[in-house]
Amino acid sequence: MAKIIRHYYHFPIPSVLTRIIDNPIRRKFIQRPKDVVERMQLKPGMIVVEIGPGKGNYTKAVANNILPDGKVFACDIQESVIERLKKLIEKEGIPNIIPK
């Protein structure tokens, strides 16, 4: 799906399309955040940089696996994505995600 979107939209991808890319079906059946994090072999205290955090579902999974001292620097060039991530951090009380 991402290849199709890239064909028609030049980056940065409109933040509204994150609903298509980052949807519950994909997270449940195709790329579950838990499975992705396991493959990354994360350890507490690691520092992770994520480019293009989308809605933050994978960001949150990574952040929870590197607690208590680890940090996730979530970077995006679209302010709307960063603002949405800040709301998620505040709502869920995730202390170790730094949106940039």
N, C-alpha and C. Protein backbone atom coordinates (compact mmCIF):
# COMPACT_ATOMS: atom_id res chain seq x y z
N MET A 1 0.83 -1.19 0.00
CA MET A 1 0.00 0.00 0.00
C MET A 1 0.87 1.25 0.00
N ALA A 2 1.95 1.24 0.78
CA ALA A 2 2.82 2.42 0.86
C ALA A 2 3.41 2.76 -0.51
N LYS A 3 3.74 1.74 -1.31
CA LYS A 3 4.29 2.00 -2.64
C LYS A 3 3.27 2.70 -3.53
N ILE A 4 2.03 2.31 -3.42
CA ILE A 4 0.97 2.94 -4.22
C ILE A 4 0.83 4.40 -3.81
N ILE A 5 0.81 4.65 -2.53
CA ILE A 5 0.67 6.03 -2.05
C ILE A 5 1.86 6.87 -2.50
N ARG A 6 3.08 6.32 -2.40
CA ARG A 6 4.27 7.08 -2.82
C ARG A 6 4.22 7.39 -4.31
N HIS A 7 3.59 6.52 -5.09
CA HIS A 7 3.50 6.76 -6.52
C HIS A 7 2.67 8.01 -6.83
N TYR A 8 1.61 8.22 -6.08
CA TYR A 8 0.70 9.33 -6.35
C TYR A 8 0.97 10.58 -5.52
N TYR A 9 1.61 10.44 -4.40
CA TYR A 9 1.88 11.58 -3.52
C TYR A 9 3.37 11.70 -3.30
N HIS A 10 3.88 12.89 -3.55
CA HIS A 10 5.29 13.14 -3.29
C HIS A 10 5.43 13.58 -1.84
N PHE A 11 6.50 13.14 -1.24
CA PHE A 11 6.68 13.40 0.19
C PHE A 11 6.96 14.86 0.45
N PRO A 12 6.58 15.39 1.60
CA PRO A 12 6.01 14.63 2.69
C PRO A 12 4.58 14.22 2.39
N ILE A 13 4.25 13.03 2.83
CA ILE A 13 2.90 12.51 2.62
C ILE A 13 1.92 13.31 3.49
N PRO A 14 0.78 13.67 2.97
CA PRO A 14 -0.19 14.41 3.78
C PRO A 14 -0.55 13.63 5.05
N SER A 15 -0.55 14.31 6.18
CA SER A 15 -0.77 13.62 7.45
C SER A 15 -2.12 12.92 7.50
N VAL A 16 -3.08 13.38 6.70
CA VAL A 16 -4.39 12.73 6.68
C VAL A 16 -4.29 11.29 6.17
N LEU A 17 -3.28 11.00 5.35
CA LEU A 17 -3.13 9.65 4.81
C LEU A 17 -2.55 8.66 5.82
N THR A 18 -2.12 9.15 6.98
CA THR A 18 -1.63 8.21 7.99
C THR A 18 -2.75 7.29 8.45
N ARG A 19 -4.00 7.72 8.30
CA ARG A 19 -5.13 6.85 8.65
C ARG A 19 -5.18 5.62 7.76
N ILE A 20 -4.74 5.78 6.52
CA ILE A 20 -4.74 4.65 5.59
C ILE A 20 -3.56 3.73 5.88
N ILE A 21 -2.39 4.33 6.06
CA ILE A 21 -1.18 3.55 6.26
C ILE A 21 -1.17 2.90 7.64
N ASP A 22 -1.53 3.66 8.65
CA ASP A 22 -1.46 3.17 10.03
C ASP A 22 -2.87 2.87 10.52
N ASN A 23 -3.40 1.75 10.08
CA ASN A 23 -4.77 1.41 10.46
C ASN A 23 -4.80 0.18 11.37
N PRO A 24 -5.89 -0.03 12.09
CA PRO A 24 -5.99 -1.13 13.05
C PRO A 24 -5.80 -2.51 12.42
N ILE A 25 -6.26 -2.71 11.20
CA ILE A 25 -6.12 -4.02 10.56
C ILE A 25 -4.64 -4.33 10.35
N ARG A 26 -3.90 -3.36 9.87
CA ARG A 26 -2.46 -3.55 9.67
C ARG A 26 -1.77 -3.86 10.99
N ARG A 27 -2.11 -3.09 12.02
CA ARG A 27 -1.46 -3.29 13.32
C ARG A 27 -1.83 -4.63 13.94
N LYS A 28 -3.02 -5.14 13.65
CA LYS A 28 -3.46 -6.40 14.27
C LYS A 28 -2.98 -7.63 13.52
N PHE A 29 -2.95 -7.57 12.19
CA PHE A 29 -2.68 -8.77 11.41
C PHE A 29 -1.38 -8.74 10.60
N ILE A 30 -0.92 -7.58 10.21
CA ILE A 30 0.23 -7.53 9.30
C ILE A 30 1.52 -7.18 10.04
N GLN A 31 1.54 -6.04 10.71
CA GLN A 31 2.74 -5.60 11.44
C GLN A 31 2.35 -5.18 12.83
N ARG A 32 2.21 -6.14 13.71
CA ARG A 32 1.84 -5.81 15.07
C ARG A 32 3.01 -5.12 15.76
N PRO A 33 2.75 -4.01 16.46
CA PRO A 33 3.84 -3.31 17.14
C PRO A 33 4.67 -4.23 18.03
N LYS A 34 4.01 -5.15 18.73
CA LYS A 34 4.72 -6.09 19.61
C LYS A 34 5.73 -6.92 18.82
N ASP A 35 5.34 -7.41 17.65
CA ASP A 35 6.24 -8.22 16.83
C ASP A 35 7.40 -7.40 16.28
N VAL A 36 7.11 -6.19 15.86
CA VAL A 36 8.15 -5.30 15.34
C VAL A 36 9.19 -5.02 16.42
N VAL A 37 8.71 -4.72 17.62
CA VAL A 37 9.61 -4.42 18.74
C VAL A 37 10.47 -5.64 19.08
N GLU A 38 9.89 -6.83 19.07
CA GLU A 38 10.66 -8.04 19.36
C GLU A 38 11.80 -8.23 18.36
N ARG A 39 11.53 -7.98 17.09
CA ARG A 39 12.57 -8.13 16.07
C ARG A 39 13.68 -7.10 16.22
N MET A 40 13.37 -5.97 16.82
CA MET A 40 14.37 -4.91 17.00
C MET A 40 15.35 -5.22 18.13
N GLN A 41 15.02 -6.18 18.97
CA GLN A 41 15.87 -6.58 20.10
C GLN A 41 16.24 -5.39 20.98
N LEU A 42 15.24 -4.61 21.33
CA LEU A 42 15.46 -3.44 22.16
C LEU A 42 15.77 -3.84 23.59
N LYS A 43 16.56 -3.00 24.24
CA LYS A 43 16.92 -3.23 25.64
C LYS A 43 16.68 -1.95 26.43
N PRO A 44 16.37 -2.08 27.72
CA PRO A 44 16.19 -0.89 28.56
C PRO A 44 17.42 0.02 28.48
N GLY A 45 17.15 1.31 28.41
CA GLY A 45 18.23 2.29 28.37
C GLY A 45 18.70 2.68 26.97
N MET A 46 18.21 2.00 25.94
CA MET A 46 18.62 2.34 24.58
C MET A 46 18.07 3.70 24.16
N ILE A 47 18.75 4.31 23.20
CA ILE A 47 18.27 5.54 22.58
C ILE A 47 17.87 5.18 21.15
N VAL A 48 16.65 5.54 20.77
CA VAL A 48 16.10 5.19 19.46
C VAL A 48 15.66 6.46 18.76
N VAL A 49 15.93 6.54 17.45
CA VAL A 49 15.43 7.64 16.63
C VAL A 49 14.43 7.05 15.66
N GLU A 50 13.23 7.61 15.65
CA GLU A 50 12.21 7.17 14.70
C GLU A 50 11.91 8.33 13.75
N ILE A 51 12.02 8.05 12.48
CA ILE A 51 11.72 9.05 11.45
C ILE A 51 10.32 8.74 10.92
N GLY A 52 9.42 9.71 11.06
CA GLY A 52 8.05 9.51 10.59
C GLY A 52 7.22 8.67 11.53
N PRO A 53 6.92 9.16 12.72
CA PRO A 53 6.21 8.36 13.72
C PRO A 53 4.73 8.11 13.43
N GLY A 54 4.16 8.79 12.45
CA GLY A 54 2.74 8.58 12.16
C GLY A 54 1.87 8.88 13.37
N LYS A 55 0.99 7.95 13.70
CA LYS A 55 0.11 8.14 14.86
C LYS A 55 0.78 7.79 16.18
N GLY A 56 1.96 7.20 16.14
CA GLY A 56 2.70 6.92 17.36
C GLY A 56 2.51 5.53 17.94
N ASN A 57 1.81 4.65 17.24
CA ASN A 57 1.57 3.31 17.78
C ASN A 57 2.86 2.51 17.95
N TYR A 58 3.73 2.57 16.96
CA TYR A 58 5.01 1.86 17.06
C TYR A 58 5.95 2.62 17.99
N THR A 59 5.87 3.94 17.98
CA THR A 59 6.67 4.78 18.87
C THR A 59 6.40 4.41 20.32
N LYS A 60 5.13 4.27 20.64
CA LYS A 60 4.71 3.92 21.99
C LYS A 60 5.24 2.54 22.39
N ALA A 61 5.15 1.58 21.49
CA ALA A 61 5.63 0.22 21.77
C ALA A 61 7.13 0.22 22.02
N VAL A 62 7.86 0.97 21.22
CA VAL A 62 9.31 1.06 21.41
C VAL A 62 9.62 1.72 22.75
N ALA A 63 8.96 2.84 23.03
CA ALA A 63 9.20 3.58 24.27
C ALA A 63 8.98 2.71 25.50
N ASN A 64 7.94 1.92 25.48
CA ASN A 64 7.64 1.05 26.63
C ASN A 64 8.69 -0.04 26.83
N ASN A 65 9.37 -0.43 25.76
CA ASN A 65 10.36 -1.50 25.86
C ASN A 65 11.75 -1.03 26.24
N ILE A 66 11.98 0.27 26.26
CA ILE A 66 13.32 0.76 26.62
C ILE A 66 13.31 1.53 27.94
N LEU A 67 12.19 1.46 28.64
CA LEU A 67 12.10 2.07 29.97
C LEU A 67 13.06 1.36 30.93
N PRO A 68 13.55 1.95 31.98
CA PRO A 68 13.18 3.26 32.50
C PRO A 68 14.02 4.41 31.96
N ASP A 69 15.23 4.12 31.45
CA ASP A 69 16.14 5.22 31.08
C ASP A 69 16.25 5.46 29.59
N GLY A 70 15.62 4.64 28.76
CA GLY A 70 15.72 4.81 27.32
C GLY A 70 14.91 5.99 26.82
N LYS A 71 15.27 6.47 25.63
CA LYS A 71 14.57 7.61 25.03
C LYS A 71 14.27 7.30 23.56
N VAL A 72 13.12 7.79 23.10
CA VAL A 72 12.76 7.71 21.69
C VAL A 72 12.66 9.14 21.17
N PHE A 73 13.50 9.48 20.21
CA PHE A 73 13.41 10.76 19.54
C PHE A 73 12.57 10.53 18.29
N ALA A 74 11.35 11.04 18.29
CA ALA A 74 10.42 10.85 17.18
C ALA A 74 10.44 12.11 16.32
N CYS A 75 10.95 11.98 15.10
CA CYS A 75 11.15 13.14 14.23
C CYS A 75 10.22 13.10 13.03
N ASP A 76 9.67 14.27 12.71
CA ASP A 76 8.84 14.39 11.52
C ASP A 76 8.93 15.83 11.02
N ILE A 77 8.82 16.01 9.71
CA ILE A 77 8.89 17.36 9.16
C ILE A 77 7.54 18.05 9.15
N GLN A 78 6.49 17.31 9.46
CA GLN A 78 5.15 17.90 9.48
C GLN A 78 4.74 18.20 10.92
N GLU A 79 4.47 19.45 11.17
CA GLU A 79 4.10 19.88 12.52
C GLU A 79 2.83 19.19 13.00
N SER A 80 1.90 18.89 12.10
CA SER A 80 0.65 18.24 12.52
C SER A 80 0.91 16.85 13.10
N VAL A 81 1.88 16.14 12.58
CA VAL A 81 2.23 14.82 13.10
C VAL A 81 2.83 14.96 14.50
N ILE A 82 3.71 15.93 14.66
CA ILE A 82 4.35 16.16 15.96
C ILE A 82 3.31 16.58 17.00
N GLU A 83 2.39 17.44 16.61
CA GLU A 83 1.34 17.88 17.54
C GLU A 83 0.46 16.70 17.98
N ARG A 84 0.12 15.83 17.05
CA ARG A 84 -0.68 14.65 17.38
C ARG A 84 0.10 13.73 18.34
N LEU A 85 1.39 13.60 18.11
CA LEU A 85 2.23 12.78 18.99
C LEU A 85 2.32 13.38 20.39
N LYS A 86 2.42 14.69 20.47
CA LYS A 86 2.46 15.36 21.78
C LYS A 86 1.17 15.09 22.56
N LYS A 87 0.05 15.09 21.87
CA LYS A 87 -1.23 14.80 22.53
C LYS A 87 -1.26 13.36 23.05
N LEU A 88 -0.73 12.43 22.26
CA LEU A 88 -0.66 11.03 22.68
C LEU A 88 0.21 10.89 23.93
N ILE A 89 1.35 11.56 23.92
CA ILE A 89 2.28 11.51 25.06
C ILE A 89 1.60 12.03 26.32
N GLU A 90 0.91 13.14 26.17
CA GLU A 90 0.22 13.74 27.32
C GLU A 90 -0.92 12.84 27.81
N LYS A 91 -1.71 12.34 26.88
CA LYS A 91 -2.88 11.52 27.22
C LYS A 91 -2.47 10.22 27.93
N GLU A 92 -1.41 9.58 27.43
CA GLU A 92 -1.03 8.27 27.95
C GLU A 92 0.13 8.33 28.95
N GLY A 93 0.65 9.53 29.19
CA GLY A 93 1.71 9.69 30.19
C GLY A 93 2.98 8.92 29.86
N ILE A 94 3.43 9.03 28.62
CA ILE A 94 4.64 8.34 28.19
C ILE A 94 5.82 9.29 28.39
N PRO A 95 6.69 8.99 29.35
CA PRO A 95 7.72 9.96 29.73
C PRO A 95 8.96 10.01 28.83
N ASN A 96 9.16 9.00 28.01
CA ASN A 96 10.45 8.91 27.32
C ASN A 96 10.39 9.09 25.80
N ILE A 97 9.32 9.70 25.30
CA ILE A 97 9.24 10.05 23.88
C ILE A 97 9.50 11.54 23.76
N ILE A 98 10.47 11.90 22.92
CA ILE A 98 10.79 13.30 22.68
C ILE A 98 10.45 13.61 21.23
N PRO A 99 9.35 14.34 21.00
CA PRO A 99 8.98 14.68 19.62
C PRO A 99 9.84 15.82 19.10
N LYS A 100 10.30 15.69 17.88
CA LYS A 100 11.14 16.72 17.26
C LYS A 100 10.61 17.09 15.90
